[in-house]
Amino acid sequence: MATTITIKGQVTLPKQVRDAVGIKPGDRVNVRATASGAVVIEKSGKADDYTARIRALAKRRLIRGVTTDEIMKETRGDPEADPSPKKK
């Protein structure tokens, strides 16, 4: 999608782009240039937004019926089954 830069350096983001990212009037965005010469525009989120998303994810409880200790044993092995390190 192409858009035109005004004499003041302003750009209108097409409606499809705004809708896809969830940008509404009054929202802040971050604009940055990449080493390859591209321009990236990202919706700027508040810390509260981030915290709210993390809390919502935690409420979903993606892993159920398993304790943290069981997950640790599964990923790292059972520490009781490991041989003890030799002392010098």
PDB file of N, CA and C in Angstrom:
ATOM      1  N   MET A   1       0.834  -1.168   0.000  1.00  0.00           N
ATOM      2  CA  MET A   1       0.000   0.000   0.000  1.00  0.00           C
ATOM      3  C   MET A   1       0.886   1.241   0.000  1.00  0.00           C
ATOM      4  N   ALA A   2       0.630   2.111  -0.886  1.00  0.00           N
ATOM      5  CA  ALA A   2       1.407   3.343  -0.974  1.00  0.00           C
ATOM      6  C   ALA A   2       0.618   4.495  -0.361  1.00  0.00           C
ATOM      7  N   THR A   3       1.349   5.433   0.210  1.00  0.00           N
ATOM      8  CA  THR A   3       0.745   6.642   0.755  1.00  0.00           C
ATOM      9  C   THR A   3       1.700   7.792   0.472  1.00  0.00           C
ATOM     10  N   THR A   4       1.242   9.000   0.595  1.00  0.00           N
ATOM     11  CA  THR A   4       2.045  10.171   0.248  1.00  0.00           C
ATOM     12  C   THR A   4       2.437  10.941   1.503  1.00  0.00           C
ATOM     13  N   ILE A   5       3.654  11.437   1.516  1.00  0.00           N
ATOM     14  CA  ILE A   5       4.134  12.269   2.625  1.00  0.00           C
ATOM     15  C   ILE A   5       3.810  13.718   2.301  1.00  0.00           C
ATOM     16  N   THR A   6       3.235  14.426   3.264  1.00  0.00           N
ATOM     17  CA  THR A   6       2.887  15.836   3.050  1.00  0.00           C
ATOM     18  C   THR A   6       4.138  16.702   3.164  1.00  0.00           C
ATOM     19  N   ILE A   7       4.013  17.948   2.830  1.00  0.00           N
ATOM     20  CA  ILE A   7       5.124  18.894   2.913  1.00  0.00           C
ATOM     21  C   ILE A   7       5.621  19.049   4.349  1.00  0.00           C
ATOM     22  N   LYS A   8       4.729  18.771   5.326  1.00  0.00           N
ATOM     23  CA  LYS A   8       5.104  18.839   6.742  1.00  0.00           C
ATOM     24  C   LYS A   8       5.692  17.527   7.249  1.00  0.00           C
ATOM     25  N   GLY A   9       5.827  16.524   6.362  1.00  0.00           N
ATOM     26  CA  GLY A   9       6.398  15.244   6.757  1.00  0.00           C
ATOM     27  C   GLY A   9       5.388  14.290   7.370  1.00  0.00           C
ATOM     28  N   GLN A  10       4.122  14.568   7.201  1.00  0.00           N
ATOM     29  CA  GLN A  10       3.081  13.726   7.779  1.00  0.00           C
ATOM     30  C   GLN A  10       2.663  12.638   6.793  1.00  0.00           C
ATOM     31  N   VAL A  11       2.254  11.513   7.356  1.00  0.00           N
ATOM     32  CA  VAL A  11       1.803  10.381   6.552  1.00  0.00           C
ATOM     33  C   VAL A  11       0.455   9.925   7.092  1.00  0.00           C
ATOM     34  N   THR A  12      -0.470   9.619   6.207  1.00  0.00           N
ATOM     35  CA  THR A  12      -1.742   9.032   6.619  1.00  0.00           C
ATOM     36  C   THR A  12      -1.616   7.526   6.465  1.00  0.00           C
ATOM     37  N   LEU A  13      -1.810   6.805   7.573  1.00  0.00           N
ATOM     38  CA  LEU A  13      -1.784   5.353   7.507  1.00  0.00           C
ATOM     39  C   LEU A  13      -3.107   4.870   6.924  1.00  0.00           C
ATOM     40  N   PRO A  14      -3.056   4.006   5.930  1.00  0.00           N
ATOM     41  CA  PRO A  14      -4.301   3.505   5.349  1.00  0.00           C
ATOM     42  C   PRO A  14      -5.170   2.814   6.399  1.00  0.00           C
ATOM     43  N   LYS A  15      -6.490   2.882   6.205  1.00  0.00           N
ATOM     44  CA  LYS A  15      -7.442   2.317   7.155  1.00  0.00           C
ATOM     45  C   LYS A  15      -7.179   0.839   7.399  1.00  0.00           C
ATOM     46  N   GLN A  16      -6.851   0.079   6.360  1.00  0.00           N
ATOM     47  CA  GLN A  16      -6.571  -1.344   6.518  1.00  0.00           C
ATOM     48  C   GLN A  16      -5.429  -1.577   7.504  1.00  0.00           C
ATOM     49  N   VAL A  17      -4.400  -0.757   7.422  1.00  0.00           N
ATOM     50  CA  VAL A  17      -3.241  -0.884   8.310  1.00  0.00           C
ATOM     51  C   VAL A  17      -3.638  -0.513   9.729  1.00  0.00           C
ATOM     52  N   ARG A  18      -4.344   0.609   9.894  1.00  0.00           N
ATOM     53  CA  ARG A  18      -4.776   1.028  11.232  1.00  0.00           C
ATOM     54  C   ARG A  18      -5.654  -0.028  11.883  1.00  0.00           C
ATOM     55  N   ASP A  19      -6.575  -0.582  11.106  1.00  0.00           N
ATOM     56  CA  ASP A  19      -7.467  -1.611  11.645  1.00  0.00           C
ATOM     57  C   ASP A  19      -6.706  -2.880  12.013  1.00  0.00           C
ATOM     58  N   ALA A  20      -5.760  -3.278  11.174  1.00  0.00           N
ATOM     59  CA  ALA A  20      -5.002  -4.511  11.425  1.00  0.00           C
ATOM     60  C   ALA A  20      -4.183  -4.417  12.707  1.00  0.00           C
ATOM     61  N   VAL A  21      -3.652  -3.230  12.989  1.00  0.00           N
ATOM     62  CA  VAL A  21      -2.799  -3.042  14.160  1.00  0.00           C
ATOM     63  C   VAL A  21      -3.597  -2.571  15.371  1.00  0.00           C
ATOM     64  N   GLY A  22      -4.783  -2.056  15.127  1.00  0.00           N
ATOM     65  CA  GLY A  22      -5.605  -1.565  16.231  1.00  0.00           C
ATOM     66  C   GLY A  22      -5.275  -0.144  16.627  1.00  0.00           C
ATOM     67  N   ILE A  23      -4.822   0.649  15.670  1.00  0.00           N
ATOM     68  CA  ILE A  23      -4.501   2.053  15.948  1.00  0.00           C
ATOM     69  C   ILE A  23      -5.763   2.887  15.796  1.00  0.00           C
ATOM     70  N   LYS A  24      -6.042   3.668  16.850  1.00  0.00           N
ATOM     71  CA  LYS A  24      -7.225   4.531  16.857  1.00  0.00           C
ATOM     72  C   LYS A  24      -6.773   5.990  16.995  1.00  0.00           C
ATOM     73  N   PRO A  25      -7.644   6.939  16.653  1.00  0.00           N
ATOM     74  CA  PRO A  25      -7.280   8.352  16.821  1.00  0.00           C
ATOM     75  C   PRO A  25      -6.834   8.628  18.257  1.00  0.00           C
ATOM     76  N   GLY A  26      -5.742   9.334  18.397  1.00  0.00           N
ATOM     77  CA  GLY A  26      -5.198   9.663  19.712  1.00  0.00           C
ATOM     78  C   GLY A  26      -4.152   8.680  20.210  1.00  0.00           C
ATOM     79  N   ASP A  27      -4.049   7.487  19.583  1.00  0.00           N
ATOM     80  CA  ASP A  27      -3.016   6.522  19.977  1.00  0.00           C
ATOM     81  C   ASP A  27      -1.638   7.046  19.593  1.00  0.00           C
ATOM     82  N   ARG A  28      -0.646   6.632  20.346  1.00  0.00           N
ATOM     83  CA  ARG A  28       0.737   6.998  20.039  1.00  0.00           C
ATOM     84  C   ARG A  28       1.402   5.834  19.324  1.00  0.00           C
ATOM     85  N   VAL A  29       2.315   6.156  18.401  1.00  0.00           N
ATOM     86  CA  VAL A  29       3.063   5.133  17.684  1.00  0.00           C
ATOM     87  C   VAL A  29       4.547   5.436  17.784  1.00  0.00           C
ATOM     88  N   ASN A  30       5.348   4.397  17.691  1.00  0.00           N
ATOM     89  CA  ASN A  30       6.802   4.548  17.631  1.00  0.00           C
ATOM     90  C   ASN A  30       7.221   4.398  16.176  1.00  0.00           C
ATOM     91  N   VAL A  31       8.094   5.278  15.722  1.00  0.00           N
ATOM     92  CA  VAL A  31       8.592   5.233  14.354  1.00  0.00           C
ATOM     93  C   VAL A  31      10.104   5.106  14.426  1.00  0.00           C
ATOM     94  N   ARG A  32      10.652   4.128  13.675  1.00  0.00           N
ATOM     95  CA  ARG A  32      12.102   3.959  13.677  1.00  0.00           C
ATOM     96  C   ARG A  32      12.572   3.518  12.308  1.00  0.00           C
ATOM     97  N   ALA A  33      13.794   3.872  12.004  1.00  0.00           N
ATOM     98  CA  ALA A  33      14.418   3.474  10.739  1.00  0.00           C
ATOM     99  C   ALA A  33      15.286   2.246  10.994  1.00  0.00           C
ATOM    100  N   THR A  34      15.320   1.350  10.023  1.00  0.00           N
ATOM    101  CA  THR A  34      16.175   0.167  10.126  1.00  0.00           C
ATOM    102  C   THR A  34      17.438   0.388   9.315  1.00  0.00           C
ATOM    103  N   ALA A  35      18.429  -0.461   9.518  1.00  0.00           N
ATOM    104  CA  ALA A  35      19.692  -0.341   8.796  1.00  0.00           C
ATOM    105  C   ALA A  35      19.500  -0.532   7.297  1.00  0.00           C
ATOM    106  N   SER A  36      18.477  -1.267   6.906  1.00  0.00           N
ATOM    107  CA  SER A  36      18.238  -1.522   5.481  1.00  0.00           C
ATOM    108  C   SER A  36      17.487  -0.378   4.791  1.00  0.00           C
ATOM    109  N   GLY A  37      17.121   0.648   5.569  1.00  0.00           N
ATOM    110  CA  GLY A  37      16.442   1.795   4.990  1.00  0.00           C
ATOM    111  C   GLY A  37      14.927   1.743   5.116  1.00  0.00           C
ATOM    112  N   ALA A  38      14.400   0.726   5.751  1.00  0.00           N
ATOM    113  CA  ALA A  38      12.956   0.628   5.945  1.00  0.00           C
ATOM    114  C   ALA A  38      12.532   1.495   7.126  1.00  0.00           C
ATOM    115  N   VAL A  39      11.265   1.816   7.166  1.00  0.00           N
ATOM    116  CA  VAL A  39      10.695   2.556   8.285  1.00  0.00           C
ATOM    117  C   VAL A  39       9.666   1.645   8.954  1.00  0.00           C
ATOM    118  N   VAL A  40       9.779   1.504  10.273  1.00  0.00           N
ATOM    119  CA  VAL A  40       8.871   0.661  11.031  1.00  0.00           C
ATOM    120  C   VAL A  40       8.012   1.553  11.915  1.00  0.00           C
ATOM    121  N   ILE A  41       6.702   1.331  11.844  1.00  0.00           N
ATOM    122  CA  ILE A  41       5.763   2.067  12.683  1.00  0.00           C
ATOM    123  C   ILE A  41       5.081   1.042  13.569  1.00  0.00           C
ATOM    124  N   GLU A  42       5.222   1.215  14.886  1.00  0.00           N
ATOM    125  CA  GLU A  42       4.645   0.274  15.846  1.00  0.00           C
ATOM    126  C   GLU A  42       3.720   1.018  16.787  1.00  0.00           C
ATOM    127  N   LYS A  43       2.625   0.365  17.114  1.00  0.00           N
ATOM    128  CA  LYS A  43       1.721   0.950  18.097  1.00  0.00           C
ATOM    129  C   LYS A  43       2.444   1.014  19.433  1.00  0.00           C
ATOM    130  N   SER A  44       2.410   2.165  20.060  1.00  0.00           N
ATOM    131  CA  SER A  44       3.068   2.358  21.344  1.00  0.00           C
ATOM    132  C   SER A  44       2.114   1.920  22.440  1.00  0.00           C
ATOM    133  N   GLY A  45       2.585   1.006  23.296  1.00  0.00           N
ATOM    134  CA  GLY A  45       1.734   0.537  24.383  1.00  0.00           C
ATOM    135  C   GLY A  45       2.198   1.091  25.707  1.00  0.00           C
ATOM    136  N   LYS A  46       1.278   1.300  26.585  1.00  0.00           N
ATOM    137  CA  LYS A  46       1.625   1.744  27.930  1.00  0.00           C
ATOM    138  C   LYS A  46       2.052   0.537  28.750  1.00  0.00           C
ATOM    139  N   ALA A  47       2.750   0.772  29.816  1.00  0.00           N
ATOM    140  CA  ALA A  47       3.146  -0.317  30.715  1.00  0.00           C
ATOM    141  C   ALA A  47       1.910  -1.022  31.254  1.00  0.00           C
ATOM    142  N   ASP A  48       0.843  -0.250  31.476  1.00  0.00           N
ATOM    143  CA  ASP A  48      -0.395  -0.845  31.973  1.00  0.00           C
ATOM    144  C   ASP A  48      -0.973  -1.837  30.970  1.00  0.00           C
ATOM    145  N   ASP A  49      -0.860  -1.516  29.663  1.00  0.00           N
ATOM    146  CA  ASP A  49      -1.344  -2.425  28.629  1.00  0.00           C
ATOM    147  C   ASP A  49      -0.571  -3.737  28.684  1.00  0.00           C
ATOM    148  N   TYR A  50       0.734  -3.626  28.830  1.00  0.00           N
ATOM    149  CA  TYR A  50       1.584  -4.818  28.893  1.00  0.00           C
ATOM    150  C   TYR A  50       1.217  -5.661  30.111  1.00  0.00           C
ATOM    151  N   THR A  51       1.079  -5.006  31.239  1.00  0.00           N
ATOM    152  CA  THR A  51       0.721  -5.719  32.470  1.00  0.00           C
ATOM    153  C   THR A  51      -0.635  -6.397  32.316  1.00  0.00           C
ATOM    154  N   ALA A  52      -1.572  -5.715  31.713  1.00  0.00           N
ATOM    155  CA  ALA A  52      -2.907  -6.292  31.519  1.00  0.00           C
ATOM    156  C   ALA A  52      -2.836  -7.519  30.620  1.00  0.00           C
ATOM    157  N   ARG A  53      -2.016  -7.456  29.557  1.00  0.00           N
ATOM    158  CA  ARG A  53      -1.887  -8.612  28.663  1.00  0.00           C
ATOM    159  C   ARG A  53      -1.248  -9.791  29.380  1.00  0.00           C
ATOM    160  N   ILE A  54      -0.236  -9.529  30.208  1.00  0.00           N
ATOM    161  CA  ILE A  54       0.428 -10.601  30.951  1.00  0.00           C
ATOM    162  C   ILE A  54      -0.546 -11.236  31.946  1.00  0.00           C
ATOM    163  N   ARG A  55      -1.303 -10.415  32.644  1.00  0.00           N
ATOM    164  CA  ARG A  55      -2.283 -10.948  33.611  1.00  0.00           C
ATOM    165  C   ARG A  55      -3.359 -11.776  32.903  1.00  0.00           C
ATOM    166  N   ALA A  56      -3.808 -11.316  31.739  1.00  0.00           N
ATOM    167  CA  ALA A  56      -4.818 -12.071  30.985  1.00  0.00           C
ATOM    168  C   ALA A  56      -4.251 -13.417  30.536  1.00  0.00           C
ATOM    169  N   LEU A  57      -2.995 -13.425  30.130  1.00  0.00           N
ATOM    170  CA  LEU A  57      -2.344 -14.672  29.727  1.00  0.00           C
ATOM    171  C   LEU A  57      -2.225 -15.616  30.920  1.00  0.00           C
ATOM    172  N   ALA A  58      -1.878 -15.080  32.069  1.00  0.00           N
ATOM    173  CA  ALA A  58      -1.739 -15.907  33.271  1.00  0.00           C
ATOM    174  C   ALA A  58      -3.084 -16.512  33.675  1.00  0.00           C
ATOM    175  N   LYS A  59      -4.149 -15.785  33.475  1.00  0.00           N
ATOM    176  CA  LYS A  59      -5.475 -16.297  33.835  1.00  0.00           C
ATOM    177  C   LYS A  59      -5.897 -17.457  32.932  1.00  0.00           C
ATOM    178  N   ARG A  60      -5.341 -17.501  31.721  1.00  0.00           N
ATOM    179  CA  ARG A  60      -5.704 -18.576  30.801  1.00  0.00           C
ATOM    180  C   ARG A  60      -5.173 -19.925  31.262  1.00  0.00           C
ATOM    181  N   ARG A  61      -4.160 -19.923  32.107  1.00  0.00           N
ATOM    182  CA  ARG A  61      -3.576 -21.153  32.646  1.00  0.00           C
ATOM    183  C   ARG A  61      -3.345 -22.178  31.544  1.00  0.00           C
ATOM    184  N   LEU A  62      -2.350 -21.896  30.720  1.00  0.00           N
ATOM    185  CA  LEU A  62      -2.070 -22.738  29.565  1.00  0.00           C
ATOM    186  C   LEU A  62      -1.645 -24.149  29.951  1.00  0.00           C
ATOM    187  N   ILE A  63      -1.007 -24.301  31.099  1.00  0.00           N
ATOM    188  CA  ILE A  63      -0.580 -25.620  31.564  1.00  0.00           C
ATOM    189  C   ILE A  63      -1.394 -25.928  32.815  1.00  0.00           C
ATOM    190  N   ARG A  64      -2.153 -27.005  32.750  1.00  0.00           N
ATOM    191  CA  ARG A  64      -3.017 -27.357  33.880  1.00  0.00           C
ATOM    192  C   ARG A  64      -2.684 -28.744  34.386  1.00  0.00           C
ATOM    193  N   GLY A  65      -2.868 -28.939  35.678  1.00  0.00           N
ATOM    194  CA  GLY A  65      -2.701 -30.254  36.265  1.00  0.00           C
ATOM    195  C   GLY A  65      -1.259 -30.690  36.439  1.00  0.00           C
ATOM    196  N   VAL A  66      -0.323 -29.765  36.267  1.00  0.00           N
ATOM    197  CA  VAL A  66       1.086 -30.093  36.428  1.00  0.00           C
ATOM    198  C   VAL A  66       1.709 -29.049  37.341  1.00  0.00           C
ATOM    199  N   THR A  67       2.505 -29.492  38.297  1.00  0.00           N
ATOM    200  CA  THR A  67       3.161 -28.550  39.201  1.00  0.00           C
ATOM    201  C   THR A  67       4.462 -28.056  38.582  1.00  0.00           C
ATOM    202  N   THR A  68       4.980 -26.991  39.130  1.00  0.00           N
ATOM    203  CA  THR A  68       6.258 -26.462  38.666  1.00  0.00           C
ATOM    204  C   THR A  68       7.366 -27.486  38.856  1.00  0.00           C
ATOM    205  N   ASP A  69       7.352 -28.186  39.987  1.00  0.00           N
ATOM    206  CA  ASP A  69       8.371 -29.215  40.238  1.00  0.00           C
ATOM    207  C   ASP A  69       8.322 -30.312  39.179  1.00  0.00           C
ATOM    208  N   GLU A  70       7.129 -30.693  38.772  1.00  0.00           N
ATOM    209  CA  GLU A  70       6.997 -31.730  37.748  1.00  0.00           C
ATOM    210  C   GLU A  70       7.532 -31.244  36.400  1.00  0.00           C
ATOM    211  N   ILE A  71       7.276 -29.988  36.084  1.00  0.00           N
ATOM    212  CA  ILE A  71       7.798 -29.418  34.839  1.00  0.00           C
ATOM    213  C   ILE A  71       9.325 -29.377  34.885  1.00  0.00           C
ATOM    214  N   MET A  72       9.877 -28.977  36.025  1.00  0.00           N
ATOM    215  CA  MET A  72      11.338 -28.916  36.165  1.00  0.00           C
ATOM    216  C   MET A  72      11.954 -30.301  36.008  1.00  0.00           C
ATOM    217  N   LYS A  73      11.355 -31.320  36.595  1.00  0.00           N
ATOM    218  CA  LYS A  73      11.865 -32.691  36.457  1.00  0.00           C
ATOM    219  C   LYS A  73      11.803 -33.147  35.005  1.00  0.00           C
ATOM    220  N   GLU A  74      10.722 -32.792  34.334  1.00  0.00           N
ATOM    221  CA  GLU A  74      10.540 -33.185  32.936  1.00  0.00           C
ATOM    222  C   GLU A  74      11.589 -32.542  32.035  1.00  0.00           C
ATOM    223  N   THR A  75      11.889 -31.270  32.282  1.00  0.00           N
ATOM    224  CA  THR A  75      12.819 -30.560  31.406  1.00  0.00           C
ATOM    225  C   THR A  75      14.276 -30.734  31.810  1.00  0.00           C
ATOM    226  N   ARG A  76      14.540 -30.874  33.102  1.00  0.00           N
ATOM    227  CA  ARG A  76      15.929 -30.942  33.575  1.00  0.00           C
ATOM    228  C   ARG A  76      16.332 -32.308  34.104  1.00  0.00           C
ATOM    229  N   GLY A  77      15.395 -33.167  34.300  1.00  0.00           N
ATOM    230  CA  GLY A  77      15.699 -34.468  34.884  1.00  0.00           C
ATOM    231  C   GLY A  77      15.489 -34.434  36.385  1.00  0.00           C
ATOM    232  N   ASP A  78      15.461 -35.599  36.962  1.00  0.00           N
ATOM    233  CA  ASP A  78      15.238 -35.723  38.403  1.00  0.00           C
ATOM    234  C   ASP A  78      16.553 -35.522  39.143  1.00  0.00           C
ATOM    235  N   PRO A  79      16.672 -34.472  39.969  1.00  0.00           N
ATOM    236  CA  PRO A  79      17.939 -34.226  40.670  1.00  0.00           C
ATOM    237  C   PRO A  79      18.317 -35.350  41.633  1.00  0.00           C
ATOM    238  N   GLU A  80      17.326 -36.075  42.147  1.00  0.00           N
ATOM    239  CA  GLU A  80      17.620 -37.182  43.068  1.00  0.00           C
ATOM    240  C   GLU A  80      18.237 -38.367  42.330  1.00  0.00           C
ATOM    241  N   ALA A  81      17.982 -38.481  41.028  1.00  0.00           N
ATOM    242  CA  ALA A  81      18.528 -39.583  40.240  1.00  0.00           C
ATOM    243  C   ALA A  81      19.930 -39.273  39.720  1.00  0.00           C
ATOM    244  N   ASP A  82      20.330 -37.999  39.759  1.00  0.00           N
ATOM    245  CA  ASP A  82      21.654 -37.611  39.276  1.00  0.00           C
ATOM    246  C   ASP A  82      22.730 -38.011  40.289  1.00  0.00           C
ATOM    247  N   PRO A  83      23.861 -38.468  39.800  1.00  0.00           N
ATOM    248  CA  PRO A  83      24.943 -38.776  40.729  1.00  0.00           C
ATOM    249  C   PRO A  83      25.476 -37.503  41.376  1.00  0.00           C
ATOM    250  N   SER A  84      25.847 -37.586  42.623  1.00  0.00           N
ATOM    251  CA  SER A  84      26.362 -36.392  43.302  1.00  0.00           C
ATOM    252  C   SER A  84      27.753 -36.070  42.775  1.00  0.00           C
ATOM    253  N   PRO A  85      28.070 -34.778  42.684  1.00  0.00           N
ATOM    254  CA  PRO A  85      29.407 -34.405  42.206  1.00  0.00           C
ATOM    255  C   PRO A  85      30.478 -34.861  43.189  1.00  0.00           C
ATOM    256  N   LYS A  86      31.616 -35.268  42.627  1.00  0.00           N
ATOM    257  CA  LYS A  86      32.719 -35.735  43.482  1.00  0.00           C
ATOM    258  C   LYS A  86      33.381 -34.539  44.141  1.00  0.00           C
ATOM    259  N   LYS A  87      33.665 -34.677  45.409  1.00  0.00           N
ATOM    260  CA  LYS A  87      34.333 -33.608  46.157  1.00  0.00           C
ATOM    261  C   LYS A  87      35.827 -33.758  45.991  1.00  0.00           C
ATOM    262  N   LYS A  88      36.496 -32.625  45.904  1.00  0.00           N
ATOM    263  CA  LYS A  88      37.959 -32.620  45.742  1.00  0.00           C
ATOM    264  C   LYS A  88      38.644 -32.528  47.076  1.00  0.00           C
TER     265      LYS A  88
END
